Protein backbone atom coordinates (compact mmCIF):
# COMPACT_ATOMS: atom_id res chain seq x y z
CA UNK A 1 -17.12 -11.75 -27.54
CA UNK A 2 -18.67 -10.08 -30.56
CA UNK A 3 -22.06 -11.12 -31.85
CA UNK A 4 -22.64 -10.35 -35.51
CA UNK A 5 -26.04 -9.95 -37.05
CA UNK A 6 -27.21 -11.98 -40.01
CA UNK A 7 -26.91 -9.00 -42.35
CA UNK A 8 -23.28 -8.42 -41.45
CA UNK A 9 -22.26 -11.98 -42.30
CA UNK A 10 -24.37 -13.64 -44.94
CA UNK A 11 -28.00 -14.01 -45.74
CA UNK A 12 -29.71 -16.74 -43.73
CA UNK A 13 -27.06 -17.06 -41.00
CA UNK A 14 -26.55 -15.95 -37.42
CA UNK A 15 -23.30 -16.27 -35.57
CA UNK A 16 -20.85 -15.15 -32.96
CA UNK A 17 -17.15 -14.52 -32.76
CA UNK A 18 -15.06 -14.87 -29.60
CA UNK A 19 -11.64 -13.22 -29.69
CA UNK A 20 -8.88 -14.86 -27.68
CA UNK A 21 -7.96 -12.05 -25.31
CA UNK A 22 -4.19 -12.49 -25.33
CA UNK A 23 -3.89 -13.00 -29.07
CA UNK A 24 -5.38 -10.49 -31.48
CA UNK A 25 -5.07 -12.85 -34.43
CA UNK A 26 -7.00 -15.79 -32.98
CA UNK A 27 -10.58 -16.46 -32.12
CA UNK A 28 -13.55 -18.74 -32.54
CA UNK A 29 -16.55 -18.38 -34.78
CA UNK A 30 -19.81 -20.29 -34.83
CA UNK A 31 -22.61 -19.81 -37.33
CA UNK A 32 -25.98 -21.43 -37.82
CA UNK A 33 -28.32 -21.50 -40.79
CA UNK A 34 -31.34 -19.59 -39.49
CA UNK A 35 -33.78 -21.56 -41.61
CA UNK A 36 -32.87 -24.66 -39.60
CA UNK A 37 -31.63 -23.45 -36.21
CA UNK A 38 -31.92 -20.58 -33.77
CA UNK A 39 -29.05 -19.56 -31.53
CA UNK A 40 -30.88 -19.27 -28.21
CA UNK A 41 -27.85 -18.36 -26.12
CA UNK A 42 -24.06 -18.23 -26.47
CA UNK A 43 -21.61 -18.26 -23.59
CA UNK A 44 -17.91 -17.58 -23.87
CA UNK A 45 -15.92 -19.76 -21.47
CA UNK A 46 -12.27 -19.39 -20.52
CA UNK A 47 -10.40 -22.68 -20.43
CA UNK A 48 -7.66 -21.19 -18.27
CA UNK A 49 -7.76 -23.13 -15.03
CA UNK A 50 -7.34 -20.96 -11.95
CA UNK A 51 -6.16 -22.02 -8.50
CA UNK A 52 -9.66 -22.98 -7.35
CA UNK A 53 -11.23 -23.55 -10.76
CA UNK A 54 -9.84 -26.95 -11.69
CA UNK A 55 -12.40 -29.43 -12.98
CA UNK A 56 -13.25 -31.89 -10.22
CA UNK A 57 -11.94 -34.81 -12.27
CA UNK A 58 -8.62 -33.02 -12.87
CA UNK A 59 -7.91 -31.87 -9.31
CA UNK A 60 -6.00 -35.04 -8.29
CA UNK A 61 -3.94 -34.85 -11.48
CA UNK A 62 -3.06 -31.20 -10.93
CA UNK A 63 -2.06 -31.90 -7.34
CA UNK A 64 0.81 -33.96 -8.75
CA UNK A 65 1.85 -31.30 -11.33
CA UNK A 66 2.17 -27.86 -9.73
CA UNK A 67 4.00 -26.47 -12.79
CA UNK A 68 1.19 -27.56 -15.08
CA UNK A 69 -1.39 -26.01 -12.74
CA UNK A 70 0.39 -22.64 -12.99
CA UNK A 71 0.85 -22.92 -16.76
CA UNK A 72 -2.78 -23.65 -17.59
CA UNK A 73 -3.90 -20.77 -15.37
CA UNK A 74 -2.28 -18.36 -17.84
CA UNK A 75 -3.47 -19.87 -21.13
CA UNK A 76 -5.79 -17.65 -23.18
CA UNK A 77 -7.83 -20.54 -24.65
CA UNK A 78 -11.58 -19.99 -24.86
CA UNK A 79 -14.60 -22.00 -25.89
CA UNK A 80 -18.06 -21.07 -27.05
CA UNK A 81 -21.05 -22.89 -25.63
CA UNK A 82 -24.14 -22.51 -27.76
CA UNK A 83 -27.68 -23.53 -26.99
CA UNK A 84 -29.36 -24.17 -30.32
CA UNK A 85 -33.02 -24.84 -31.04
CA UNK A 86 -34.80 -26.02 -34.14
CA UNK A 87 -36.16 -23.11 -36.16
CA UNK A 88 -39.77 -22.14 -35.67
CA UNK A 89 -42.35 -23.81 -37.91
CA UNK A 90 -42.50 -22.13 -41.28
CA UNK A 91 -38.71 -21.93 -41.65
CA UNK A 92 -37.16 -23.21 -44.85
CA UNK A 93 -36.90 -26.95 -45.32
CA UNK A 94 -40.05 -28.15 -43.57
CA UNK A 95 -41.98 -27.42 -40.45
CA UNK A 96 -38.85 -27.05 -38.24
CA UNK A 97 -40.16 -29.34 -35.53
CA UNK A 98 -39.59 -32.88 -34.39
CA UNK A 99 -43.16 -33.83 -35.21
CA UNK A 100 -44.34 -33.65 -31.59
CA UNK A 101 -44.81 -29.87 -31.60
CA UNK A 102 -41.74 -29.46 -29.36
CA UNK A 103 -38.69 -27.85 -30.89
CA UNK A 104 -35.56 -29.81 -30.05
CA UNK A 105 -32.46 -28.25 -28.52
CA UNK A 106 -28.75 -29.11 -28.69
CA UNK A 107 -25.86 -27.89 -26.56
CA UNK A 108 -22.78 -27.31 -28.72
CA UNK A 109 -19.22 -26.55 -27.64
CA UNK A 110 -16.81 -24.96 -30.09
CA UNK A 111 -13.15 -24.63 -29.11
CA UNK A 112 -9.56 -24.52 -30.28
CA UNK A 113 -7.48 -26.33 -27.69
CA UNK A 114 -3.90 -25.40 -26.88
CA UNK A 115 -1.64 -26.32 -29.78
CA UNK A 116 1.90 -26.65 -28.45
CA UNK A 117 3.54 -30.07 -28.45
CA UNK A 118 4.08 -31.89 -26.27
CA UNK A 119 1.02 -30.62 -24.41
CA UNK A 120 -1.41 -33.53 -24.40
CA UNK A 121 -1.87 -33.09 -20.65
CA UNK A 122 -2.88 -29.45 -21.15
CA UNK A 123 -5.47 -30.40 -23.78
CA UNK A 124 -6.78 -33.07 -21.41
CA UNK A 125 -7.27 -30.44 -18.68
CA UNK A 126 -8.95 -28.05 -21.12
CA UNK A 127 -11.27 -30.82 -22.31
CA UNK A 128 -12.19 -31.65 -18.72
CA UNK A 129 -12.92 -27.97 -18.03
CA UNK A 130 -15.05 -27.73 -21.18
CA UNK A 131 -17.06 -30.83 -20.28
CA UNK A 132 -17.60 -29.54 -16.75
CA UNK A 133 -18.99 -26.27 -18.16
CA UNK A 134 -21.29 -28.22 -20.48
CA UNK A 135 -22.46 -30.43 -17.60
CA UNK A 136 -23.21 -27.38 -15.48
CA UNK A 137 -25.37 -25.83 -18.20
CA UNK A 138 -27.00 -29.15 -19.11
CA UNK A 139 -28.34 -29.49 -15.55
CA UNK A 140 -30.92 -26.86 -16.52
CA UNK A 141 -31.89 -28.52 -19.82
CA UNK A 142 -34.03 -31.57 -20.59
CA UNK A 143 -32.07 -34.78 -20.00
CA UNK A 144 -32.36 -35.81 -23.66
CA UNK A 145 -30.61 -32.65 -24.92
CA UNK A 146 -27.73 -33.81 -27.12
CA UNK A 147 -24.25 -32.43 -26.51
CA UNK A 148 -21.81 -31.85 -29.34
CA UNK A 149 -18.13 -30.90 -29.07
CA UNK A 150 -16.57 -29.38 -32.18
CA UNK A 151 -13.51 -27.39 -33.13
CA UNK A 152 -9.78 -27.89 -33.44
CA UNK A 153 -8.85 -30.22 -30.59
CA UNK A 154 -5.22 -30.57 -31.74
CA UNK A 155 -5.51 -34.25 -30.88
CA UNK A 156 -5.68 -37.59 -32.60
CA UNK A 157 -7.70 -40.67 -31.71
CA UNK A 158 -5.09 -41.97 -29.26
CA UNK A 159 -4.85 -38.75 -27.20
CA UNK A 160 -6.25 -38.56 -23.68
CA UNK A 161 -8.52 -35.61 -24.60
CA UNK A 162 -10.28 -37.81 -27.15
CA UNK A 163 -10.45 -40.69 -24.65
CA UNK A 164 -12.16 -38.36 -22.20
CA UNK A 165 -14.68 -37.26 -24.83
CA UNK A 166 -15.47 -40.77 -26.02
CA UNK A 167 -15.35 -42.77 -22.77
CA UNK A 168 -15.88 -40.18 -20.06
CA UNK A 169 -12.69 -41.03 -18.20
CA UNK A 170 -8.91 -41.09 -18.34
CA UNK A 171 -6.78 -43.05 -15.88
CA UNK A 172 -4.26 -41.15 -13.72
CA UNK A 173 -1.52 -43.32 -15.23
CA UNK A 174 -2.37 -42.40 -18.82
CA UNK A 175 0.85 -41.68 -20.78
CA UNK A 176 -0.50 -38.33 -22.03
CA UNK A 177 -0.81 -37.17 -18.44
CA UNK A 178 2.44 -38.70 -17.21
CA UNK A 179 4.63 -37.68 -20.15
CA UNK A 180 2.68 -34.92 -21.87
CA UNK A 181 5.28 -32.31 -21.29
């Protein structure tokens, strides 16, 4: 992961760049307008799922697909998790606070999920891993901290990865899992 300073990118911005280790031409970038937000912390998270690192919700699914378990272990996909906070009072565009004196936070995930088709089941596993990482971090944040997932999910509204994001669950018999490749 490379963190760039505001001066090296553009005036009024802070950001980070995470290079996908196995692919020199791919990576993720996230930038915030410093007048509105502060990047408190950024974590780079591998979405490769190792033998003991499967998301709890995905473990039963992986037990029925040993080949998929081995394949996702080797994927170079990464995500960025960013803890953002409203800018300090006096920043551009107002007082930078919610009105109560407390500066609000948000937990943001930025990712580019595996692209190959048909690989809906792989994207489902990566989404589950990403959400588990967000949940782990959110345990140490106020309960009202919003969570935002952004990036290229390589999915449409009917895909299991989107179902997981919008409903919090995907059935074991979902066609994306059963026939995803």
